[in-house]
């Protein structure tokens, strides 16, 4: 049995204290992060590729907040570059040559050796494991195939990813050819992270909730399931987070991850009733609650802990990433409060 409460919770084992970490915990809300970002010229992507600075900002939340896991500082789109797409951040992600045609899909390559394609990623993971020296486990991550495809086809962020949906509905054969390549790349990329020292993998399907349950089952679930199946068997728990999935948790469970991430649009208690106790869950405080007075933050944390009702397999987190305007003292208070109220 692992000595880490975080990994125990991922496996549904009993813990002496509810573990907690925050999505986007290394980020702009921390003045220490902004200081590191200011040290070198360049874009967000340049920071992701700067091993020493990426390790430093990955470690900051462990030291400052006291979270129970470190997550590698990176971006879900970094492994798409070696497929042949030019990525930039202005400040959001932009691909200069989005994938729109059969020729575009044919031109995409699937690197077999992802450690050579993105060498900074395994170096960051190795650096984190070395510097943490066992204090907390390290989370690796990547985008789910559908969410990666959204950006690759649209060419940038969007509220509805209309270009991807046009392909999905209008040329399903092309869509499926694209998804097969993206899934193969993601499997290589995330298995490389496990080999490099990641002790957990989180798969982010940020845009998986943009479609109906019927379309999720038809167009998204087969590829998420295939990806997760390719990551199993190495003794590393897999977390699958689908933002906006409260109406289709039964389908999300079919992807067969070890942990299901929840956003704040469904109560944690109801989600656990739907999912059953044979899968762990992670979530699901509304990130905006961290703008509130600390008494309100504590009340919301207590509510979520009550909804879990002491069932095993629970990791406290936000329902999405922490926002840049949050006072770091409130994030520190949140972690301390989860540890205080969630101790056995």
C-alpha atoms as a PDB file:
ATOM      1  CA  UNK A   1       0.000   0.000   0.000  1.00  0.00           C
ATOM      2  CA  UNK A   2       1.336   3.442  -0.872  1.00  0.00           C
ATOM      3  CA  UNK A   3       2.394   5.769   1.907  1.00  0.00           C
ATOM      4  CA  UNK A   4       0.776   8.695   0.083  1.00  0.00           C
ATOM      5  CA  UNK A   5      -2.827   9.590   0.948  1.00  0.00           C
ATOM      6  CA  UNK A   6      -3.227  10.897  -2.608  1.00  0.00           C
ATOM      7  CA  UNK A   7      -2.324   7.576  -4.237  1.00  0.00           C
ATOM      8  CA  UNK A   8      -4.291   5.606  -1.645  1.00  0.00           C
ATOM      9  CA  UNK A   9      -7.368   7.684  -2.480  1.00  0.00           C
ATOM     10  CA  UNK A  10      -6.843   7.102  -6.200  1.00  0.00           C
ATOM     11  CA  UNK A  11      -6.977   3.347  -5.543  1.00  0.00           C
ATOM     12  CA  UNK A  12      -9.990   3.633  -3.237  1.00  0.00           C
ATOM     13  CA  UNK A  13      -7.973   2.685  -0.159  1.00  0.00           C
ATOM     14  CA  UNK A  14      -8.575   4.171   3.311  1.00  0.00           C
ATOM     15  CA  UNK A  15      -6.731   7.400   4.158  1.00  0.00           C
ATOM     16  CA  UNK A  16      -6.065   9.193   7.436  1.00  0.00           C
ATOM     17  CA  UNK A  17      -6.693  12.569   5.795  1.00  0.00           C
ATOM     18  CA  UNK A  18      -8.505  13.626   2.614  1.00  0.00           C
ATOM     19  CA  UNK A  19      -5.822  14.552   0.047  1.00  0.00           C
ATOM     20  CA  UNK A  20      -6.065  17.793  -1.907  1.00  0.00           C
ATOM     21  CA  UNK A  21      -4.443  19.472  -4.872  1.00  0.00           C
ATOM     22  CA  UNK A  22      -5.620  22.135  -7.336  1.00  0.00           C
ATOM     23  CA  UNK A  23      -5.846  22.055 -11.088  1.00  0.00           C
ATOM     24  CA  UNK A  24      -3.585  24.839 -12.435  1.00  0.00           C
ATOM     25  CA  UNK A  25      -1.994  25.039  -8.989  1.00  0.00           C
ATOM     26  CA  UNK A  26       1.236  26.282 -10.601  1.00  0.00           C
ATOM     27  CA  UNK A  27       0.072  29.503 -12.167  1.00  0.00           C
ATOM     28  CA  UNK A  28      -0.515  33.219 -12.313  1.00  0.00           C
ATOM     29  CA  UNK A  29      -2.343  33.593  -8.995  1.00  0.00           C
ATOM     30  CA  UNK A  30       1.009  32.980  -7.246  1.00  0.00           C
ATOM     31  CA  UNK A  31       3.398  35.969  -7.151  1.00  0.00           C
ATOM     32  CA  UNK A  32       6.249  33.453  -6.964  1.00  0.00           C
ATOM     33  CA  UNK A  33       5.143  32.023 -10.306  1.00  0.00           C
ATOM     34  CA  UNK A  34       4.976  35.482 -11.859  1.00  0.00           C
ATOM     35  CA  UNK A  35       8.509  36.175 -10.607  1.00  0.00           C
ATOM     36  CA  UNK A  36       9.846  33.033 -12.299  1.00  0.00           C
ATOM     37  CA  UNK A  37       7.925  33.844 -15.457  1.00  0.00           C
ATOM     38  CA  UNK A  38       9.569  37.287 -15.496  1.00  0.00           C
ATOM     39  CA  UNK A  39      13.062  35.808 -15.209  1.00  0.00           C
ATOM     40  CA  UNK A  40      13.271  34.913 -18.862  1.00  0.00           C
ATOM     41  CA  UNK A  41      11.906  36.466 -22.009  1.00  0.00           C
ATOM     42  CA  UNK A  42       9.574  34.479 -24.174  1.00  0.00           C
ATOM     43  CA  UNK A  43       6.132  32.985 -24.226  1.00  0.00           C
ATOM     44  CA  UNK A  44       4.245  30.593 -21.980  1.00  0.00           C
ATOM     45  CA  UNK A  45       5.412  27.808 -24.307  1.00  0.00           C
ATOM     46  CA  UNK A  46       9.030  28.842 -23.739  1.00  0.00           C
ATOM     47  CA  UNK A  47       8.483  28.434 -20.001  1.00  0.00           C
ATOM     48  CA  UNK A  48       7.039  24.949 -20.573  1.00  0.00           C
ATOM     49  CA  UNK A  49      10.256  24.013 -22.407  1.00  0.00           C
ATOM     50  CA  UNK A  50      12.642  25.557 -19.850  1.00  0.00           C
ATOM     51  CA  UNK A  51      13.326  22.558 -17.610  1.00  0.00           C
ATOM     52  CA  UNK A  52      14.752  24.389 -14.599  1.00  0.00           C
ATOM     53  CA  UNK A  53      12.029  27.037 -14.466  1.00  0.00           C
ATOM     54  CA  UNK A  54       9.254  24.487 -15.140  1.00  0.00           C
ATOM     55  CA  UNK A  55      10.489  22.338 -12.248  1.00  0.00           C
ATOM     56  CA  UNK A  56      10.650  25.406 -10.008  1.00  0.00           C
ATOM     57  CA  UNK A  57       7.065  26.490 -10.682  1.00  0.00           C
ATOM     58  CA  UNK A  58       5.843  22.894 -10.351  1.00  0.00           C
ATOM     59  CA  UNK A  59       7.340  22.757  -6.850  1.00  0.00           C
ATOM     60  CA  UNK A  60       5.965  26.120  -5.683  1.00  0.00           C
ATOM     61  CA  UNK A  61       2.439  24.922  -4.731  1.00  0.00           C
ATOM     62  CA  UNK A  62       3.905  22.055  -2.683  1.00  0.00           C
ATOM     63  CA  UNK A  63       5.995  24.506  -0.667  1.00  0.00           C
ATOM     64  CA  UNK A  64       3.488  27.380  -0.516  1.00  0.00           C
ATOM     65  CA  UNK A  65       0.099  25.627  -0.324  1.00  0.00           C
ATOM     66  CA  UNK A  66       1.004  22.288   1.211  1.00  0.00           C
ATOM     67  CA  UNK A  67      -0.847  20.263  -1.440  1.00  0.00           C
ATOM     68  CA  UNK A  68      -0.640  16.478  -1.472  1.00  0.00           C
ATOM     69  CA  UNK A  69       0.645  16.124  -5.044  1.00  0.00           C
ATOM     70  CA  UNK A  70       2.790  18.041  -7.509  1.00  0.00           C
ATOM     71  CA  UNK A  71       1.652  18.268 -11.113  1.00  0.00           C
ATOM     72  CA  UNK A  72       4.174  18.754 -13.873  1.00  0.00           C
ATOM     73  CA  UNK A  73       4.079  22.255 -15.326  1.00  0.00           C
ATOM     74  CA  UNK A  74       3.275  21.973 -19.016  1.00  0.00           C
ATOM     75  CA  UNK A  75       0.389  22.352 -21.452  1.00  0.00           C
ATOM     76  CA  UNK A  76      -1.857  19.738 -23.018  1.00  0.00           C
ATOM     77  CA  UNK A  77      -0.892  20.921 -26.517  1.00  0.00           C
ATOM     78  CA  UNK A  78       2.898  20.593 -26.281  1.00  0.00           C
ATOM     79  CA  UNK A  79       2.973  17.021 -27.727  1.00  0.00           C
ATOM     80  CA  UNK A  80       0.939  18.130 -30.744  1.00  0.00           C
ATOM     81  CA  UNK A  81       3.876  20.153 -32.113  1.00  0.00           C
ATOM     82  CA  UNK A  82       5.913  17.071 -33.091  1.00  0.00           C
ATOM     83  CA  UNK A  83       2.917  15.863 -35.102  1.00  0.00           C
ATOM     84  CA  UNK A  84       3.626  18.717 -37.506  1.00  0.00           C
ATOM     85  CA  UNK A  85       1.560  21.661 -36.222  1.00  0.00           C
ATOM     86  CA  UNK A  86       3.183  24.976 -35.330  1.00  0.00           C
ATOM     87  CA  UNK A  87       1.990  26.053 -31.875  1.00  0.00           C
ATOM     88  CA  UNK A  88       2.131  29.519 -30.394  1.00  0.00           C
ATOM     89  CA  UNK A  89       0.443  31.327 -27.499  1.00  0.00           C
ATOM     90  CA  UNK A  90      -1.008  34.820 -28.141  1.00  0.00           C
ATOM     91  CA  UNK A  91      -1.783  34.533 -25.172  1.00  0.00           C
ATOM     92  CA  UNK A  92      -4.072  31.542 -25.805  1.00  0.00           C
ATOM     93  CA  UNK A  93      -3.015  28.593 -27.978  1.00  0.00           C
ATOM     94  CA  UNK A  94      -2.949  29.126 -31.733  1.00  0.00           C
ATOM     95  CA  UNK A  95      -2.028  26.659 -34.479  1.00  0.00           C
ATOM     96  CA  UNK A  96      -0.856  28.371 -37.662  1.00  0.00           C
ATOM     97  CA  UNK A  97      -1.866  25.379 -39.798  1.00  0.00           C
ATOM     98  CA  UNK A  98      -5.092  23.845 -38.442  1.00  0.00           C
ATOM     99  CA  UNK A  99      -6.195  20.388 -39.599  1.00  0.00           C
ATOM    100  CA  UNK A 100      -9.120  20.714 -42.002  1.00  0.00           C
ATOM    101  CA  UNK A 101      -8.623  18.208 -44.857  1.00  0.00           C
ATOM    102  CA  UNK A 102      -7.668  14.611 -45.550  1.00  0.00           C
ATOM    103  CA  UNK A 103      -4.270  15.843 -46.723  1.00  0.00           C
ATOM    104  CA  UNK A 104      -3.815  17.627 -43.383  1.00  0.00           C
ATOM    105  CA  UNK A 105      -4.617  14.458 -41.449  1.00  0.00           C
ATOM    106  CA  UNK A 106      -2.336  12.370 -43.689  1.00  0.00           C
ATOM    107  CA  UNK A 107       0.498  14.829 -43.043  1.00  0.00           C
ATOM    108  CA  UNK A 108       0.323  14.362 -39.262  1.00  0.00           C
ATOM    109  CA  UNK A 109       3.032  12.160 -37.852  1.00  0.00           C
ATOM    110  CA  UNK A 110       2.818  10.027 -34.716  1.00  0.00           C
ATOM    111  CA  UNK A 111       6.248  10.053 -33.068  1.00  0.00           C
ATOM    112  CA  UNK A 112       7.141   6.669 -31.624  1.00  0.00           C
ATOM    113  CA  UNK A 113       9.850   8.118 -29.400  1.00  0.00           C
ATOM    114  CA  UNK A 114       8.061  10.896 -27.525  1.00  0.00           C
ATOM    115  CA  UNK A 115      10.998  11.342 -25.134  1.00  0.00           C
ATOM    116  CA  UNK A 116      13.046  12.474 -28.132  1.00  0.00           C
ATOM    117  CA  UNK A 117      10.186  14.517 -29.614  1.00  0.00           C
ATOM    118  CA  UNK A 118       9.590  16.546 -26.426  1.00  0.00           C
ATOM    119  CA  UNK A 119      12.762  15.931 -24.391  1.00  0.00           C
ATOM    120  CA  UNK A 120      11.997  18.645 -21.865  1.00  0.00           C
ATOM    121  CA  UNK A 121       8.946  16.717 -20.555  1.00  0.00           C
ATOM    122  CA  UNK A 122      10.791  13.650 -19.203  1.00  0.00           C
ATOM    123  CA  UNK A 123      13.523  15.975 -17.925  1.00  0.00           C
ATOM    124  CA  UNK A 124      10.957  17.999 -15.954  1.00  0.00           C
ATOM    125  CA  UNK A 125       9.457  14.827 -14.479  1.00  0.00           C
ATOM    126  CA  UNK A 126      12.879  13.482 -13.533  1.00  0.00           C
ATOM    127  CA  UNK A 127      13.784  16.826 -11.972  1.00  0.00           C
ATOM    128  CA  UNK A 128      10.568  16.875  -9.962  1.00  0.00           C
ATOM    129  CA  UNK A 129      11.054  13.358  -8.642  1.00  0.00           C
ATOM    130  CA  UNK A 130      14.634  14.185  -7.692  1.00  0.00           C
ATOM    131  CA  UNK A 131      13.879  17.467  -5.929  1.00  0.00           C
ATOM    132  CA  UNK A 132      10.739  16.251  -4.167  1.00  0.00           C
ATOM    133  CA  UNK A 133      12.661  13.247  -2.849  1.00  0.00           C
ATOM    134  CA  UNK A 134       9.443  11.436  -1.943  1.00  0.00           C
ATOM    135  CA  UNK A 135       7.639  14.323  -0.202  1.00  0.00           C
ATOM    136  CA  UNK A 136       4.568  14.024  -2.434  1.00  0.00           C
ATOM    137  CA  UNK A 137       3.794  12.080  -5.620  1.00  0.00           C
ATOM    138  CA  UNK A 138       4.078  13.593  -9.087  1.00  0.00           C
ATOM    139  CA  UNK A 139       1.139  13.864 -11.497  1.00  0.00           C
ATOM    140  CA  UNK A 140       1.716  13.793 -15.237  1.00  0.00           C
ATOM    141  CA  UNK A 141      -1.012  14.770 -17.644  1.00  0.00           C
ATOM    142  CA  UNK A 142      -2.221  15.211 -21.178  1.00  0.00           C
ATOM    143  CA  UNK A 143      -5.256  16.126 -23.198  1.00  0.00           C
ATOM    144  CA  UNK A 144      -7.887  13.581 -24.135  1.00  0.00           C
ATOM    145  CA  UNK A 145      -8.040  12.892 -27.883  1.00  0.00           C
ATOM    146  CA  UNK A 146     -11.258  14.872 -28.420  1.00  0.00           C
ATOM    147  CA  UNK A 147     -10.032  17.971 -26.613  1.00  0.00           C
ATOM    148  CA  UNK A 148      -6.724  17.912 -28.503  1.00  0.00           C
ATOM    149  CA  UNK A 149      -8.586  17.501 -31.785  1.00  0.00           C
ATOM    150  CA  UNK A 150     -10.781  20.502 -30.940  1.00  0.00           C
ATOM    151  CA  UNK A 151      -7.739  22.781 -30.875  1.00  0.00           C
ATOM    152  CA  UNK A 152      -6.038  21.109 -33.831  1.00  0.00           C
ATOM    153  CA  UNK A 153      -9.053  21.570 -36.123  1.00  0.00           C
ATOM    154  CA  UNK A 154     -10.252  24.950 -34.862  1.00  0.00           C
ATOM    155  CA  UNK A 155      -6.708  26.299 -34.755  1.00  0.00           C
ATOM    156  CA  UNK A 156      -7.376  28.161 -31.507  1.00  0.00           C
ATOM    157  CA  UNK A 157      -9.639  28.241 -28.488  1.00  0.00           C
ATOM    158  CA  UNK A 158     -13.378  28.532 -29.044  1.00  0.00           C
ATOM    159  CA  UNK A 159     -16.689  28.429 -27.211  1.00  0.00           C
ATOM    160  CA  UNK A 160     -18.238  25.860 -29.532  1.00  0.00           C
ATOM    161  CA  UNK A 161     -15.406  24.446 -31.717  1.00  0.00           C
ATOM    162  CA  UNK A 162     -17.629  24.632 -34.769  1.00  0.00           C
ATOM    163  CA  UNK A 163     -14.923  23.509 -37.207  1.00  0.00           C
ATOM    164  CA  UNK A 164     -14.350  20.295 -35.276  1.00  0.00           C
ATOM    165  CA  UNK A 165     -18.086  19.645 -35.107  1.00  0.00           C
ATOM    166  CA  UNK A 166     -18.424  20.271 -38.846  1.00  0.00           C
ATOM    167  CA  UNK A 167     -15.832  17.569 -39.435  1.00  0.00           C
ATOM    168  CA  UNK A 168     -17.369  15.219 -36.849  1.00  0.00           C
ATOM    169  CA  UNK A 169     -20.861  15.393 -38.354  1.00  0.00           C
ATOM    170  CA  UNK A 170     -20.043  16.185 -41.984  1.00  0.00           C
ATOM    171  CA  UNK A 171     -17.053  13.936 -42.620  1.00  0.00           C
ATOM    172  CA  UNK A 172     -17.001  11.287 -39.893  1.00  0.00           C
ATOM    173  CA  UNK A 173     -14.481   9.173 -41.801  1.00  0.00           C
ATOM    174  CA  UNK A 174     -11.987  12.044 -41.692  1.00  0.00           C
ATOM    175  CA  UNK A 175     -12.820  12.729 -38.050  1.00  0.00           C
ATOM    176  CA  UNK A 176     -12.158   9.115 -37.091  1.00  0.00           C
ATOM    177  CA  UNK A 177      -8.864   9.085 -39.036  1.00  0.00           C
ATOM    178  CA  UNK A 178      -7.759  12.171 -37.108  1.00  0.00           C
ATOM    179  CA  UNK A 179      -8.856  10.723 -33.764  1.00  0.00           C
ATOM    180  CA  UNK A 180      -6.956   7.485 -34.359  1.00  0.00           C
ATOM    181  CA  UNK A 181      -3.730   9.438 -34.885  1.00  0.00           C
ATOM    182  CA  UNK A 182      -4.291  11.707 -31.911  1.00  0.00           C
ATOM    183  CA  UNK A 183      -5.094   8.737 -29.671  1.00  0.00           C
ATOM    184  CA  UNK A 184      -1.942   6.906 -30.764  1.00  0.00           C
ATOM    185  CA  UNK A 185       0.173  10.001 -30.099  1.00  0.00           C
ATOM    186  CA  UNK A 186      -1.433  10.539 -26.689  1.00  0.00           C
ATOM    187  CA  UNK A 187      -0.804   6.946 -25.660  1.00  0.00           C
ATOM    188  CA  UNK A 188       2.881   7.234 -26.609  1.00  0.00           C
ATOM    189  CA  UNK A 189       3.160  10.577 -24.837  1.00  0.00           C
ATOM    190  CA  UNK A 190       1.514   9.561 -21.574  1.00  0.00           C
ATOM    191  CA  UNK A 191       3.264   6.201 -21.385  1.00  0.00           C
ATOM    192  CA  UNK A 192       6.520   8.103 -21.807  1.00  0.00           C
ATOM    193  CA  UNK A 193       5.534  10.247 -18.807  1.00  0.00           C
ATOM    194  CA  UNK A 194       4.920   7.127 -16.715  1.00  0.00           C
ATOM    195  CA  UNK A 195       8.293   5.741 -17.759  1.00  0.00           C
ATOM    196  CA  UNK A 196       9.885   9.102 -16.830  1.00  0.00           C
ATOM    197  CA  UNK A 197       8.505   9.010 -13.293  1.00  0.00           C
ATOM    198  CA  UNK A 198       4.890  10.229 -13.296  1.00  0.00           C
ATOM    199  CA  UNK A 199       3.083   8.434 -10.454  1.00  0.00           C
ATOM    200  CA  UNK A 200      -0.403   9.374 -11.674  1.00  0.00           C
ATOM    201  CA  UNK A 201      -1.744  10.518 -15.040  1.00  0.00           C
ATOM    202  CA  UNK A 202      -4.620  12.948 -15.433  1.00  0.00           C
ATOM    203  CA  UNK A 203      -6.363  12.980 -18.810  1.00  0.00           C
ATOM    204  CA  UNK A 204      -8.064  16.334 -19.408  1.00  0.00           C
ATOM    205  CA  UNK A 205     -11.174  16.295 -21.607  1.00  0.00           C
ATOM    206  CA  UNK A 206     -11.930  19.967 -21.147  1.00  0.00           C
ATOM    207  CA  UNK A 207     -14.313  20.094 -24.114  1.00  0.00           C
ATOM    208  CA  UNK A 208     -15.859  16.630 -23.795  1.00  0.00           C
ATOM    209  CA  UNK A 209     -19.002  18.146 -22.321  1.00  0.00           C
ATOM    210  CA  UNK A 210     -19.713  20.183 -25.460  1.00  0.00           C
ATOM    211  CA  UNK A 211     -21.645  17.336 -27.038  1.00  0.00           C
ATOM    212  CA  UNK A 212     -24.803  15.405 -26.175  1.00  0.00           C
ATOM    213  CA  UNK A 213     -24.544  12.139 -24.237  1.00  0.00           C
ATOM    214  CA  UNK A 214     -25.374  10.294 -27.474  1.00  0.00           C
ATOM    215  CA  UNK A 215     -22.528  11.989 -29.322  1.00  0.00           C
ATOM    216  CA  UNK A 216     -20.153  11.527 -26.395  1.00  0.00           C
ATOM    217  CA  UNK A 217     -20.796   7.802 -26.561  1.00  0.00           C
ATOM    218  CA  UNK A 218     -20.390   7.720 -30.341  1.00  0.00           C
ATOM    219  CA  UNK A 219     -17.561  10.157 -31.047  1.00  0.00           C
ATOM    220  CA  UNK A 220     -15.533  10.606 -27.833  1.00  0.00           C
ATOM    221  CA  UNK A 221     -15.828   7.597 -25.540  1.00  0.00           C
ATOM    222  CA  UNK A 222     -14.245   5.052 -27.942  1.00  0.00           C
ATOM    223  CA  UNK A 223     -11.033   7.075 -28.140  1.00  0.00           C
ATOM    224  CA  UNK A 224     -10.831   7.986 -24.454  1.00  0.00           C
ATOM    225  CA  UNK A 225     -11.393   4.319 -23.621  1.00  0.00           C
ATOM    226  CA  UNK A 226      -8.697   3.238 -26.059  1.00  0.00           C
ATOM    227  CA  UNK A 227      -6.237   5.754 -24.615  1.00  0.00           C
ATOM    228  CA  UNK A 228      -6.890   4.777 -21.001  1.00  0.00           C
ATOM    229  CA  UNK A 229      -6.621   1.074 -21.864  1.00  0.00           C
ATOM    230  CA  UNK A 230      -3.151   1.745 -23.311  1.00  0.00           C
ATOM    231  CA  UNK A 231      -2.070   3.362 -20.013  1.00  0.00           C
ATOM    232  CA  UNK A 232      -3.298   0.600 -17.720  1.00  0.00           C
ATOM    233  CA  UNK A 233      -1.121  -2.138 -16.339  1.00  0.00           C
ATOM    234  CA  UNK A 234       1.810  -0.032 -15.132  1.00  0.00           C
ATOM    235  CA  UNK A 235       0.551   0.404 -11.579  1.00  0.00           C
ATOM    236  CA  UNK A 236      -0.194   4.091 -12.084  1.00  0.00           C
ATOM    237  CA  UNK A 237      -3.737   5.389 -11.428  1.00  0.00           C
ATOM    238  CA  UNK A 238      -5.447   7.218 -14.294  1.00  0.00           C
ATOM    239  CA  UNK A 239      -7.716  10.217 -13.645  1.00  0.00           C
ATOM    240  CA  UNK A 240     -10.224  11.153 -16.371  1.00  0.00           C
ATOM    241  CA  UNK A 241     -11.680  14.650 -16.091  1.00  0.00           C
ATOM    242  CA  UNK A 242     -14.488  15.595 -18.480  1.00  0.00           C
ATOM    243  CA  UNK A 243     -15.670  19.146 -17.888  1.00  0.00           C
ATOM    244  CA  UNK A 244     -19.445  19.426 -18.240  1.00  0.00           C
ATOM    245  CA  UNK A 245     -20.110  15.710 -17.860  1.00  0.00           C
ATOM    246  CA  UNK A 246     -22.652  15.797 -15.020  1.00  0.00           C
ATOM    247  CA  UNK A 247     -25.451  14.531 -17.278  1.00  0.00           C
ATOM    248  CA  UNK A 248     -23.471  11.536 -18.565  1.00  0.00           C
ATOM    249  CA  UNK A 249     -21.358  10.176 -15.741  1.00  0.00           C
ATOM    250  CA  UNK A 250     -22.441   6.606 -16.516  1.00  0.00           C
ATOM    251  CA  UNK A 251     -20.770   7.005 -19.918  1.00  0.00           C
ATOM    252  CA  UNK A 252     -17.654   8.661 -18.487  1.00  0.00           C
ATOM    253  CA  UNK A 253     -17.291   5.688 -16.141  1.00  0.00           C
ATOM    254  CA  UNK A 254     -17.207   3.361 -19.149  1.00  0.00           C
ATOM    255  CA  UNK A 255     -13.843   4.845 -20.134  1.00  0.00           C
ATOM    256  CA  UNK A 256     -12.550   2.764 -17.191  1.00  0.00           C
ATOM    257  CA  UNK A 257     -10.309   5.282 -15.461  1.00  0.00           C
ATOM    258  CA  UNK A 258      -9.363   4.710 -11.833  1.00  0.00           C
ATOM    259  CA  UNK A 259     -10.537   8.190 -10.798  1.00  0.00           C
ATOM    260  CA  UNK A 260     -13.246  10.395 -12.314  1.00  0.00           C
ATOM    261  CA  UNK A 261     -12.778  14.147 -12.042  1.00  0.00           C
ATOM    262  CA  UNK A 262     -15.941  16.154 -11.389  1.00  0.00           C
ATOM    263  CA  UNK A 263     -16.729  19.771 -12.146  1.00  0.00           C
ATOM    264  CA  UNK A 264     -19.021  21.800  -9.892  1.00  0.00           C
ATOM    265  CA  UNK A 265     -22.201  21.439 -11.984  1.00  0.00           C
ATOM    266  CA  UNK A 266     -23.223  18.272 -10.155  1.00  0.00           C
ATOM    267  CA  UNK A 267     -23.242  17.674  -6.422  1.00  0.00           C
ATOM    268  CA  UNK A 268     -20.504  15.356  -5.301  1.00  0.00           C
ATOM    269  CA  UNK A 269     -22.962  13.221  -3.349  1.00  0.00           C
ATOM    270  CA  UNK A 270     -25.197  12.695  -6.372  1.00  0.00           C
ATOM    271  CA  UNK A 271     -22.182  11.897  -8.552  1.00  0.00           C
ATOM    272  CA  UNK A 272     -21.023   9.260  -6.087  1.00  0.00           C
ATOM    273  CA  UNK A 273     -24.509   7.733  -6.006  1.00  0.00           C
ATOM    274  CA  UNK A 274     -24.488   7.500  -9.799  1.00  0.00           C
ATOM    275  CA  UNK A 275     -20.936   6.173 -10.099  1.00  0.00           C
ATOM    276  CA  UNK A 276     -20.939   3.772  -7.171  1.00  0.00           C
ATOM    277  CA  UNK A 277     -18.113   3.155  -4.755  1.00  0.00           C
ATOM    278  CA  UNK A 278     -15.950   1.098  -7.111  1.00  0.00           C
ATOM    279  CA  UNK A 279     -14.389   4.184  -8.707  1.00  0.00           C
ATOM    280  CA  UNK A 280     -12.652   7.083  -6.970  1.00  0.00           C
ATOM    281  CA  UNK A 281     -13.703  10.676  -7.576  1.00  0.00           C
ATOM    282  CA  UNK A 282     -11.926  14.014  -7.571  1.00  0.00           C
ATOM    283  CA  UNK A 283     -13.463  17.451  -7.118  1.00  0.00           C
ATOM    284  CA  UNK A 284     -15.413  19.594  -7.038  1.00  0.00           C
ATOM    285  CA  UNK A 285     -15.355  23.047  -5.433  1.00  0.00           C
ATOM    286  CA  UNK A 286     -16.391  25.882  -7.757  1.00  0.00           C
ATOM    287  CA  UNK A 287     -13.126  27.820  -8.311  1.00  0.00           C
ATOM    288  CA  UNK A 288     -15.039  31.082  -7.806  1.00  0.00           C
ATOM    289  CA  UNK A 289     -15.656  30.150  -4.168  1.00  0.00           C
ATOM    290  CA  UNK A 290     -12.017  31.083  -3.565  1.00  0.00           C
ATOM    291  CA  UNK A 291     -13.008  34.733  -4.089  1.00  0.00           C
ATOM    292  CA  UNK A 292     -15.278  34.485  -1.030  1.00  0.00           C
ATOM    293  CA  UNK A 293     -14.532  35.228   2.632  1.00  0.00           C
ATOM    294  CA  UNK A 294     -12.777  32.362   4.363  1.00  0.00           C
ATOM    295  CA  UNK A 295     -15.854  31.483   6.404  1.00  0.00           C
ATOM    296  CA  UNK A 296     -17.710  30.835   3.149  1.00  0.00           C
ATOM    297  CA  UNK A 297     -14.812  28.798   1.760  1.00  0.00           C
ATOM    298  CA  UNK A 298     -14.804  26.647   4.905  1.00  0.00           C
ATOM    299  CA  UNK A 299     -18.572  26.116   4.754  1.00  0.00           C
ATOM    300  CA  UNK A 300     -18.370  24.978   1.113  1.00  0.00           C
ATOM    301  CA  UNK A 301     -15.506  22.606   1.868  1.00  0.00           C
ATOM    302  CA  UNK A 302     -17.463  21.145   4.782  1.00  0.00           C
ATOM    303  CA  UNK A 303     -20.500  20.662   2.527  1.00  0.00           C
ATOM    304  CA  UNK A 304     -18.502  18.733  -0.068  1.00  0.00           C
ATOM    305  CA  UNK A 305     -16.869  16.578   2.593  1.00  0.00           C
ATOM    306  CA  UNK A 306     -20.326  15.791   4.005  1.00  0.00           C
ATOM    307  CA  UNK A 307     -21.574  14.867   0.536  1.00  0.00           C
ATOM    308  CA  UNK A 308     -18.740  12.376   0.221  1.00  0.00           C
ATOM    309  CA  UNK A 309     -20.013  10.842   3.492  1.00  0.00           C
ATOM    310  CA  UNK A 310     -16.634   9.292   4.370  1.00  0.00           C
ATOM    311  CA  UNK A 311     -16.704   7.020   1.344  1.00  0.00           C
ATOM    312  CA  UNK A 312     -13.190   5.910   0.327  1.00  0.00           C
ATOM    313  CA  UNK A 313     -11.634   7.025  -2.916  1.00  0.00           C
ATOM    314  CA  UNK A 314     -12.038  10.802  -2.637  1.00  0.00           C
ATOM    315  CA  UNK A 315      -9.549  13.513  -3.639  1.00  0.00           C
ATOM    316  CA  UNK A 316     -10.499  17.114  -2.926  1.00  0.00           C
ATOM    317  CA  UNK A 317      -9.926  19.500  -5.828  1.00  0.00           C
ATOM    318  CA  UNK A 318     -11.557  22.364  -7.639  1.00  0.00           C
ATOM    319  CA  UNK A 319     -14.132  21.682 -10.333  1.00  0.00           C
ATOM    320  CA  UNK A 320     -11.769  23.302 -12.848  1.00  0.00           C
ATOM    321  CA  UNK A 321      -8.529  25.269 -12.738  1.00  0.00           C
ATOM    322  CA  UNK A 322      -7.810  27.950 -10.130  1.00  0.00           C
ATOM    323  CA  UNK A 323      -8.227  31.424 -11.626  1.00  0.00           C
ATOM    324  CA  UNK A 324      -5.494  34.082 -11.766  1.00  0.00           C
ATOM    325  CA  UNK A 325      -7.374  36.582  -9.571  1.00  0.00           C
ATOM    326  CA  UNK A 326      -7.571  34.308  -6.514  1.00  0.00           C
ATOM    327  CA  UNK A 327      -5.785  35.524  -3.365  1.00  0.00           C
ATOM    328  CA  UNK A 328      -3.078  32.922  -2.622  1.00  0.00           C
ATOM    329  CA  UNK A 329      -3.970  33.146   1.071  1.00  0.00           C
ATOM    330  CA  UNK A 330      -7.400  31.726   0.219  1.00  0.00           C
ATOM    331  CA  UNK A 331      -5.808  28.837  -1.646  1.00  0.00           C
ATOM    332  CA  UNK A 332      -3.562  28.144   1.361  1.00  0.00           C
ATOM    333  CA  UNK A 333      -6.618  28.324   3.618  1.00  0.00           C
ATOM    334  CA  UNK A 334      -8.500  25.893   1.402  1.00  0.00           C
ATOM    335  CA  UNK A 335      -5.754  23.276   1.613  1.00  0.00           C
ATOM    336  CA  UNK A 336      -5.381  23.731   5.382  1.00  0.00           C
ATOM    337  CA  UNK A 337      -9.148  23.466   5.854  1.00  0.00           C
ATOM    338  CA  UNK A 338      -9.459  20.258   3.814  1.00  0.00           C
ATOM    339  CA  UNK A 339      -6.668  18.735   5.892  1.00  0.00           C
ATOM    340  CA  UNK A 340      -8.257  19.907   9.154  1.00  0.00           C
ATOM    341  CA  UNK A 341     -11.839  18.900   8.391  1.00  0.00           C
ATOM    342  CA  UNK A 342     -10.885  15.805   6.398  1.00  0.00           C
ATOM    343  CA  UNK A 343      -8.641  14.205   9.016  1.00  0.00           C
ATOM    344  CA  UNK A 344      -9.741  10.929  10.559  1.00  0.00           C
END
